[in-house]
Structure formats: structure tokens, C-alpha cells
Amino acid sequence: MSGQLTISTTETSAPRTSLRYSFLWSAWLDGHVLGEGYGFSAEDAERRAVNLVTDTLTPDQVEHIKVVSG
């Protein structure tokens, strides 16, 4: 069974104590959260999400990939 993988990155609006917390990311497969984290840039956050996904899913589990920036 394959589904839609959604990776979302959002710039934080809270006061930052460190640049590494500048962007939050989350990864979802068909509405179920796979993981969440942070990065110092939107690209870094997306890269971290993709790394998690490639470590936990097989290609036959994902039919579509959607990247959303907020």
C-alpha cells in the first residue's frame, strides 16, 4: 500500500535562543505523523525530514511526495 508523504517546514515566530531552532519540520504519511524536528534554514529542515523518511520508509510505501512551506 502506498500513500502521500507530506513534508512541512515552517519558520518559527517565537524569540530564538539559537539559529538551529529557526525552522520547524514535520513529516506525515497519509495523516500519520512520522517525525518532527528543527533546522537552521528551510533547506536544512527539509533535508532533515527527508533523511528521517528515507531511513524509515521503503519506496513502495510512498506514491506521492508533497513539500509545504509555511
N, C-alpha and C. Protein backbone atom coordinates (compact mmCIF):
# COMPACT_ATOMS: atom_id res chain seq x y z
N MET A 1 0.84 -1.19 0.00
CA MET A 1 0.00 0.00 0.00
C MET A 1 0.88 1.25 0.00
N SER A 2 0.60 2.16 -0.90
CA SER A 2 1.39 3.39 -0.96
C SER A 2 0.49 4.58 -0.68
N GLY A 3 1.10 5.64 -0.17
CA GLY A 3 0.32 6.81 0.20
C GLY A 3 1.04 8.10 -0.11
N GLN A 4 0.48 9.20 0.40
CA GLN A 4 1.07 10.52 0.19
C GLN A 4 1.93 10.91 1.37
N LEU A 5 3.17 11.26 1.08
CA LEU A 5 4.10 11.76 2.07
C LEU A 5 4.07 13.27 2.01
N THR A 6 3.84 13.93 3.15
CA THR A 6 3.83 15.39 3.22
C THR A 6 4.94 15.83 4.16
N ILE A 7 5.79 16.72 3.66
CA ILE A 7 6.85 17.31 4.48
C ILE A 7 6.54 18.80 4.60
N SER A 8 6.43 19.28 5.81
CA SER A 8 6.08 20.67 6.07
C SER A 8 7.22 21.36 6.81
N THR A 9 7.60 22.55 6.33
CA THR A 9 8.59 23.37 7.02
C THR A 9 7.97 24.73 7.33
N THR A 10 8.23 25.23 8.52
CA THR A 10 7.65 26.50 8.97
C THR A 10 8.70 27.29 9.72
N GLU A 11 8.81 28.58 9.40
CA GLU A 11 9.71 29.45 10.15
C GLU A 11 9.07 29.78 11.48
N THR A 12 9.82 29.67 12.56
CA THR A 12 9.27 29.95 13.88
C THR A 12 9.11 31.45 14.08
N SER A 13 8.08 31.82 14.82
CA SER A 13 7.85 33.23 15.11
C SER A 13 8.24 33.58 16.55
N ALA A 14 8.57 32.58 17.32
CA ALA A 14 8.96 32.80 18.72
C ALA A 14 10.37 33.37 18.80
N PRO A 15 10.69 34.07 19.87
CA PRO A 15 12.07 34.55 20.05
C PRO A 15 13.04 33.36 20.04
N ARG A 16 14.15 33.51 19.35
CA ARG A 16 15.09 32.40 19.19
C ARG A 16 16.27 32.56 20.13
N THR A 17 16.63 31.46 20.74
CA THR A 17 17.83 31.44 21.55
C THR A 17 19.01 30.90 20.75
N SER A 18 18.71 30.26 19.61
CA SER A 18 19.75 29.70 18.76
C SER A 18 19.22 29.62 17.33
N LEU A 19 20.08 29.82 16.34
CA LEU A 19 19.66 29.74 14.94
C LEU A 19 19.22 28.34 14.54
N ARG A 20 19.67 27.31 15.26
CA ARG A 20 19.28 25.96 14.88
C ARG A 20 17.79 25.70 15.08
N TYR A 21 17.11 26.57 15.80
CA TYR A 21 15.67 26.42 16.01
C TYR A 21 14.86 27.35 15.10
N SER A 22 15.43 27.88 14.05
CA SER A 22 14.76 28.84 13.18
C SER A 22 13.60 28.26 12.38
N PHE A 23 13.71 27.00 11.97
CA PHE A 23 12.66 26.36 11.17
C PHE A 23 12.26 25.03 11.79
N LEU A 24 10.97 24.79 11.83
CA LEU A 24 10.43 23.51 12.31
C LEU A 24 10.01 22.68 11.11
N TRP A 25 10.13 21.37 11.22
CA TRP A 25 9.66 20.49 10.16
C TRP A 25 8.83 19.37 10.74
N SER A 26 7.97 18.83 9.92
CA SER A 26 7.22 17.63 10.28
C SER A 26 7.02 16.80 9.02
N ALA A 27 6.95 15.49 9.19
CA ALA A 27 6.75 14.57 8.08
C ALA A 27 5.54 13.70 8.39
N TRP A 28 4.65 13.58 7.41
CA TRP A 28 3.39 12.86 7.58
C TRP A 28 3.19 11.87 6.43
N LEU A 29 2.68 10.69 6.74
CA LEU A 29 2.29 9.73 5.71
C LEU A 29 0.81 9.44 5.90
N ASP A 30 0.02 9.88 4.95
CA ASP A 30 -1.44 9.69 4.99
C ASP A 30 -2.05 10.14 6.31
N GLY A 31 -1.64 11.30 6.79
CA GLY A 31 -2.22 11.87 8.00
C GLY A 31 -1.63 11.37 9.31
N HIS A 32 -0.66 10.48 9.26
CA HIS A 32 0.00 9.98 10.47
C HIS A 32 1.40 10.58 10.55
N VAL A 33 1.70 11.19 11.68
CA VAL A 33 2.99 11.85 11.84
C VAL A 33 4.11 10.81 11.91
N LEU A 34 5.17 11.06 11.16
CA LEU A 34 6.35 10.20 11.18
C LEU A 34 7.45 10.78 12.06
N GLY A 35 7.50 12.12 12.12
CA GLY A 35 8.52 12.76 12.94
C GLY A 35 8.43 14.26 12.85
N GLU A 36 9.10 14.92 13.79
CA GLU A 36 9.16 16.37 13.85
C GLU A 36 10.55 16.77 14.30
N GLY A 37 10.96 17.98 13.94
CA GLY A 37 12.27 18.44 14.36
C GLY A 37 12.48 19.89 13.99
N TYR A 38 13.74 20.29 13.88
CA TYR A 38 14.07 21.68 13.60
C TYR A 38 15.32 21.76 12.73
N GLY A 39 15.54 22.94 12.15
CA GLY A 39 16.73 23.19 11.36
C GLY A 39 17.05 24.66 11.34
N PHE A 40 18.25 25.03 10.91
CA PHE A 40 18.65 26.43 10.92
C PHE A 40 18.20 27.17 9.66
N SER A 41 17.74 26.44 8.63
CA SER A 41 17.20 27.06 7.42
C SER A 41 16.08 26.16 6.90
N ALA A 42 15.30 26.67 5.97
CA ALA A 42 14.22 25.86 5.39
C ALA A 42 14.80 24.63 4.69
N GLU A 43 15.91 24.80 3.99
CA GLU A 43 16.56 23.70 3.29
C GLU A 43 17.09 22.65 4.27
N ASP A 44 17.66 23.11 5.36
CA ASP A 44 18.17 22.19 6.38
C ASP A 44 17.02 21.41 7.01
N ALA A 45 15.93 22.08 7.31
CA ALA A 45 14.77 21.41 7.90
C ALA A 45 14.21 20.36 6.94
N GLU A 46 14.11 20.72 5.66
CA GLU A 46 13.61 19.75 4.67
C GLU A 46 14.56 18.57 4.54
N ARG A 47 15.86 18.84 4.53
CA ARG A 47 16.85 17.76 4.43
C ARG A 47 16.75 16.80 5.61
N ARG A 48 16.55 17.35 6.80
CA ARG A 48 16.43 16.50 7.99
C ARG A 48 15.17 15.63 7.91
N ALA A 49 14.09 16.20 7.41
CA ALA A 49 12.84 15.44 7.26
C ALA A 49 13.03 14.31 6.25
N VAL A 50 13.66 14.62 5.13
CA VAL A 50 13.89 13.60 4.10
C VAL A 50 14.80 12.50 4.64
N ASN A 51 15.81 12.84 5.40
CA ASN A 51 16.69 11.83 6.00
C ASN A 51 15.91 10.88 6.89
N LEU A 52 15.00 11.41 7.70
CA LEU A 52 14.19 10.55 8.56
C LEU A 52 13.34 9.62 7.72
N VAL A 53 12.70 10.18 6.72
CA VAL A 53 11.79 9.40 5.88
C VAL A 53 12.53 8.29 5.14
N THR A 54 13.69 8.59 4.55
CA THR A 54 14.42 7.57 3.80
C THR A 54 14.96 6.48 4.72
N ASP A 55 15.13 6.79 6.01
CA ASP A 55 15.58 5.78 6.97
C ASP A 55 14.44 4.90 7.47
N THR A 56 13.19 5.36 7.34
CA THR A 56 12.07 4.61 7.94
C THR A 56 11.08 4.04 6.95
N LEU A 57 11.05 4.53 5.71
CA LEU A 57 10.09 4.06 4.72
C LEU A 57 10.79 3.39 3.55
N THR A 58 10.04 2.54 2.87
CA THR A 58 10.53 1.95 1.62
C THR A 58 9.84 2.66 0.46
N PRO A 59 10.45 2.65 -0.72
CA PRO A 59 9.84 3.35 -1.86
C PRO A 59 8.42 2.90 -2.19
N ASP A 60 8.08 1.65 -1.95
CA ASP A 60 6.73 1.19 -2.27
C ASP A 60 5.67 1.70 -1.28
N GLN A 61 6.08 2.34 -0.19
CA GLN A 61 5.14 2.91 0.77
C GLN A 61 4.71 4.33 0.39
N VAL A 62 5.42 4.96 -0.55
CA VAL A 62 5.15 6.36 -0.91
C VAL A 62 4.82 6.45 -2.40
N GLU A 63 3.63 6.95 -2.68
CA GLU A 63 3.23 7.14 -4.08
C GLU A 63 3.44 8.59 -4.52
N HIS A 64 3.14 9.55 -3.64
CA HIS A 64 3.29 10.98 -3.93
C HIS A 64 4.04 11.65 -2.79
N ILE A 65 4.84 12.66 -3.13
CA ILE A 65 5.53 13.47 -2.12
C ILE A 65 5.11 14.91 -2.32
N LYS A 66 4.71 15.55 -1.22
CA LYS A 66 4.28 16.95 -1.24
C LYS A 66 5.11 17.70 -0.21
N VAL A 67 5.76 18.79 -0.64
CA VAL A 67 6.53 19.63 0.28
C VAL A 67 5.79 20.94 0.44
N VAL A 68 5.50 21.31 1.69
CA VAL A 68 4.74 22.52 2.01
C VAL A 68 5.61 23.44 2.86
N SER A 69 5.74 24.69 2.44
CA SER A 69 6.47 25.68 3.24
C SER A 69 5.49 26.67 3.81
N GLY A 70 5.65 26.95 5.09
CA GLY A 70 4.70 27.87 5.72
C GLY A 70 5.33 29.11 6.23
